[in-house]
Amino acid sequence: MEAHDGLSAGIAERAGFKGLWASRLSIASSLGFRDANEASWSQLVESVERIVNSTELPVLVGPDGGFGNFNNARLLARKLRQAV
């Protein structure tokens, strides 16, 4: 089930879903941004951290293009690992 914040993650868990999907699009939309890379990677990490802290379910994160290049994608992956 898709989750874009801690509340939606908790609802999905209580509904019986076995895992969560956190996409850049849904997180950006929940923050009031368009799907045009307006939300930063740090905002994505903060949102994923709230999702992870709200549930025991595994979370698959879809950051799409890696925020520009390989180095940004590698930094994002490192920060996501630290968030969990």
N, C-alpha and C. Protein backbone atom coordinates (compact mmCIF):
# COMPACT_ATOMS: atom_id res chain seq x y z
N MET A 1 0.84 -1.17 0.00
CA MET A 1 0.00 0.00 0.00
C MET A 1 0.89 1.25 0.00
N GLU A 2 0.46 2.27 -0.70
CA GLU A 2 1.22 3.53 -0.75
C GLU A 2 1.05 4.29 0.56
N ALA A 3 2.14 4.88 1.03
CA ALA A 3 2.10 5.73 2.22
C ALA A 3 2.93 6.97 1.93
N HIS A 4 2.41 8.13 2.29
CA HIS A 4 3.14 9.37 2.04
C HIS A 4 3.47 10.12 3.33
N ASP A 5 3.00 9.60 4.46
CA ASP A 5 3.33 10.19 5.76
C ASP A 5 3.06 9.16 6.84
N GLY A 6 3.34 9.52 8.08
CA GLY A 6 3.16 8.58 9.18
C GLY A 6 1.72 8.15 9.38
N LEU A 7 0.78 9.06 9.19
CA LEU A 7 -0.63 8.73 9.36
C LEU A 7 -1.08 7.69 8.35
N SER A 8 -0.76 7.91 7.07
CA SER A 8 -1.17 6.95 6.05
C SER A 8 -0.49 5.59 6.25
N ALA A 9 0.73 5.60 6.77
CA ALA A 9 1.42 4.35 7.08
C ALA A 9 0.70 3.58 8.18
N GLY A 10 0.30 4.29 9.22
CA GLY A 10 -0.43 3.65 10.32
C GLY A 10 -1.77 3.11 9.88
N ILE A 11 -2.46 3.83 9.03
CA ILE A 11 -3.76 3.38 8.51
C ILE A 11 -3.57 2.11 7.68
N ALA A 12 -2.56 2.09 6.83
CA ALA A 12 -2.30 0.91 6.00
C ALA A 12 -1.96 -0.30 6.86
N GLU A 13 -1.17 -0.09 7.90
CA GLU A 13 -0.82 -1.20 8.79
C GLU A 13 -2.05 -1.74 9.49
N ARG A 14 -2.88 -0.86 10.02
CA ARG A 14 -4.10 -1.29 10.70
C ARG A 14 -5.09 -1.97 9.76
N ALA A 15 -5.03 -1.62 8.48
CA ALA A 15 -5.90 -2.24 7.49
C ALA A 15 -5.42 -3.62 7.07
N GLY A 16 -4.23 -4.00 7.52
CA GLY A 16 -3.74 -5.35 7.26
C GLY A 16 -2.75 -5.50 6.12
N PHE A 17 -2.28 -4.40 5.55
CA PHE A 17 -1.29 -4.50 4.48
C PHE A 17 0.03 -5.01 5.05
N LYS A 18 0.79 -5.70 4.23
CA LYS A 18 2.03 -6.35 4.68
C LYS A 18 3.28 -5.55 4.33
N GLY A 19 3.15 -4.47 3.57
CA GLY A 19 4.29 -3.64 3.19
C GLY A 19 3.81 -2.31 2.66
N LEU A 20 4.74 -1.36 2.57
CA LEU A 20 4.40 -0.01 2.14
C LEU A 20 5.29 0.43 0.99
N TRP A 21 4.75 1.29 0.15
CA TRP A 21 5.46 1.93 -0.95
C TRP A 21 5.44 3.42 -0.68
N ALA A 22 6.59 4.06 -0.69
CA ALA A 22 6.69 5.51 -0.50
C ALA A 22 7.30 6.12 -1.75
N SER A 23 6.48 6.78 -2.57
CA SER A 23 6.99 7.33 -3.82
C SER A 23 7.30 8.82 -3.68
N ARG A 24 8.24 9.26 -4.49
CA ARG A 24 8.59 10.68 -4.50
C ARG A 24 7.38 11.52 -4.88
N LEU A 25 6.58 11.06 -5.82
CA LEU A 25 5.40 11.80 -6.26
C LEU A 25 4.42 12.00 -5.10
N SER A 26 4.07 10.94 -4.40
CA SER A 26 3.07 11.07 -3.34
C SER A 26 3.60 11.89 -2.17
N ILE A 27 4.88 11.74 -1.84
CA ILE A 27 5.45 12.53 -0.76
C ILE A 27 5.50 14.00 -1.15
N ALA A 28 5.95 14.29 -2.37
CA ALA A 28 5.99 15.68 -2.83
C ALA A 28 4.60 16.30 -2.82
N SER A 29 3.61 15.54 -3.29
CA SER A 29 2.23 16.05 -3.31
C SER A 29 1.71 16.33 -1.90
N SER A 30 2.03 15.45 -0.97
CA SER A 30 1.57 15.65 0.41
C SER A 30 2.23 16.88 1.05
N LEU A 31 3.39 17.27 0.53
CA LEU A 31 4.09 18.46 1.02
C LEU A 31 3.69 19.72 0.27
N GLY A 32 2.80 19.57 -0.72
CA GLY A 32 2.31 20.72 -1.46
C GLY A 32 3.13 21.09 -2.68
N PHE A 33 3.99 20.16 -3.14
CA PHE A 33 4.82 20.41 -4.32
C PHE A 33 4.24 19.72 -5.55
N ARG A 34 4.61 20.25 -6.72
CA ARG A 34 4.29 19.56 -7.96
C ARG A 34 5.29 18.42 -8.14
N ASP A 35 5.00 17.53 -9.08
CA ASP A 35 5.93 16.44 -9.38
C ASP A 35 6.96 16.95 -10.38
N ALA A 36 7.77 17.89 -9.97
CA ALA A 36 8.78 18.48 -10.83
C ALA A 36 10.10 18.62 -10.07
N ASN A 37 10.40 17.63 -9.23
CA ASN A 37 11.61 17.65 -8.41
C ASN A 37 11.70 18.89 -7.53
N GLU A 38 10.57 19.40 -7.08
CA GLU A 38 10.58 20.57 -6.20
C GLU A 38 10.88 20.18 -4.76
N ALA A 39 10.47 19.00 -4.36
CA ALA A 39 10.79 18.53 -3.01
C ALA A 39 12.24 18.04 -3.01
N SER A 40 12.98 18.42 -2.01
CA SER A 40 14.39 18.05 -1.94
C SER A 40 14.56 16.61 -1.44
N TRP A 41 15.76 16.09 -1.62
CA TRP A 41 16.02 14.74 -1.13
C TRP A 41 15.93 14.69 0.39
N SER A 42 16.29 15.77 1.05
CA SER A 42 16.21 15.78 2.52
C SER A 42 14.75 15.76 2.98
N GLN A 43 13.86 16.40 2.24
CA GLN A 43 12.44 16.34 2.58
C GLN A 43 11.91 14.92 2.37
N LEU A 44 12.38 14.25 1.33
CA LEU A 44 11.99 12.86 1.10
C LEU A 44 12.45 11.99 2.26
N VAL A 45 13.71 12.16 2.66
CA VAL A 45 14.25 11.37 3.77
C VAL A 45 13.46 11.62 5.06
N GLU A 46 13.14 12.88 5.35
CA GLU A 46 12.37 13.20 6.56
C GLU A 46 10.99 12.54 6.53
N SER A 47 10.35 12.54 5.38
CA SER A 47 9.03 11.91 5.26
C SER A 47 9.13 10.40 5.43
N VAL A 48 10.14 9.79 4.82
CA VAL A 48 10.33 8.35 4.96
C VAL A 48 10.63 8.00 6.41
N GLU A 49 11.40 8.83 7.09
CA GLU A 49 11.70 8.59 8.50
C GLU A 49 10.41 8.60 9.33
N ARG A 50 9.51 9.52 9.04
CA ARG A 50 8.22 9.55 9.77
C ARG A 50 7.40 8.31 9.46
N ILE A 51 7.45 7.85 8.22
CA ILE A 51 6.72 6.63 7.85
C ILE A 51 7.28 5.44 8.61
N VAL A 52 8.59 5.28 8.59
CA VAL A 52 9.25 4.15 9.26
C VAL A 52 9.00 4.18 10.76
N ASN A 53 8.99 5.35 11.36
CA ASN A 53 8.76 5.46 12.80
C ASN A 53 7.30 5.23 13.19
N SER A 54 6.40 5.20 12.22
CA SER A 54 4.98 5.06 12.50
C SER A 54 4.47 3.63 12.34
N THR A 55 5.31 2.73 11.86
CA THR A 55 4.84 1.38 11.56
C THR A 55 5.97 0.38 11.68
N GLU A 56 5.61 -0.88 11.75
CA GLU A 56 6.58 -1.97 11.76
C GLU A 56 6.72 -2.59 10.37
N LEU A 57 5.95 -2.11 9.40
CA LEU A 57 5.95 -2.69 8.06
C LEU A 57 7.22 -2.30 7.29
N PRO A 58 7.66 -3.18 6.38
CA PRO A 58 8.76 -2.79 5.50
C PRO A 58 8.31 -1.70 4.53
N VAL A 59 9.24 -0.81 4.18
CA VAL A 59 8.92 0.32 3.31
C VAL A 59 9.85 0.30 2.10
N LEU A 60 9.27 0.30 0.91
CA LEU A 60 10.01 0.40 -0.34
C LEU A 60 9.92 1.85 -0.80
N VAL A 61 11.07 2.48 -1.02
CA VAL A 61 11.09 3.90 -1.38
C VAL A 61 11.42 4.04 -2.87
N GLY A 62 10.65 4.89 -3.55
CA GLY A 62 10.89 5.15 -4.97
C GLY A 62 11.33 6.57 -5.21
N PRO A 63 12.64 6.83 -5.22
CA PRO A 63 13.12 8.20 -5.41
C PRO A 63 13.26 8.60 -6.88
N ASP A 64 12.83 7.77 -7.80
CA ASP A 64 12.88 8.04 -9.25
C ASP A 64 14.29 8.30 -9.74
N GLY A 65 14.57 9.49 -10.21
CA GLY A 65 15.82 9.78 -10.89
C GLY A 65 17.03 10.00 -10.01
N GLY A 66 16.91 9.82 -8.72
CA GLY A 66 18.06 9.96 -7.83
C GLY A 66 18.48 11.39 -7.58
N PHE A 67 17.62 12.35 -7.88
CA PHE A 67 17.86 13.77 -7.61
C PHE A 67 19.08 14.30 -8.35
N GLY A 68 19.19 13.93 -9.60
CA GLY A 68 20.15 14.60 -10.47
C GLY A 68 21.30 13.78 -11.00
N ASN A 69 21.96 13.04 -10.14
CA ASN A 69 23.12 12.29 -10.62
C ASN A 69 23.48 11.17 -9.65
N PHE A 70 24.49 10.41 -10.01
CA PHE A 70 24.91 9.26 -9.21
C PHE A 70 25.30 9.66 -7.79
N ASN A 71 26.03 10.75 -7.65
CA ASN A 71 26.47 11.16 -6.32
C ASN A 71 25.29 11.52 -5.42
N ASN A 72 24.30 12.21 -5.97
CA ASN A 72 23.10 12.52 -5.18
C ASN A 72 22.33 11.26 -4.83
N ALA A 73 22.25 10.32 -5.78
CA ALA A 73 21.55 9.06 -5.52
C ALA A 73 22.26 8.28 -4.42
N ARG A 74 23.59 8.28 -4.45
CA ARG A 74 24.35 7.58 -3.42
C ARG A 74 24.16 8.23 -2.05
N LEU A 75 24.16 9.57 -2.00
CA LEU A 75 23.92 10.29 -0.75
C LEU A 75 22.52 9.99 -0.23
N LEU A 76 21.54 10.00 -1.13
CA LEU A 76 20.16 9.70 -0.73
C LEU A 76 20.06 8.30 -0.13
N ALA A 77 20.69 7.32 -0.78
CA ALA A 77 20.66 5.95 -0.27
C ALA A 77 21.29 5.87 1.12
N ARG A 78 22.40 6.57 1.31
CA ARG A 78 23.06 6.57 2.62
C ARG A 78 22.16 7.19 3.68
N LYS A 79 21.53 8.31 3.35
CA LYS A 79 20.66 8.99 4.32
C LYS A 79 19.41 8.16 4.63
N LEU A 80 18.88 7.46 3.63
CA LEU A 80 17.72 6.60 3.88
C LEU A 80 18.10 5.44 4.80
N ARG A 81 19.28 4.86 4.60
CA ARG A 81 19.73 3.79 5.49
C ARG A 81 19.87 4.30 6.93
N GLN A 82 20.38 5.52 7.09
CA GLN A 82 20.54 6.10 8.42
C GLN A 82 19.19 6.39 9.07
N ALA A 83 18.19 6.69 8.26
CA ALA A 83 16.87 7.04 8.78
C ALA A 83 16.16 5.85 9.39
N VAL A 84 16.54 4.65 9.00
CA VAL A 84 15.89 3.46 9.52
C VAL A 84 16.80 2.81 10.47
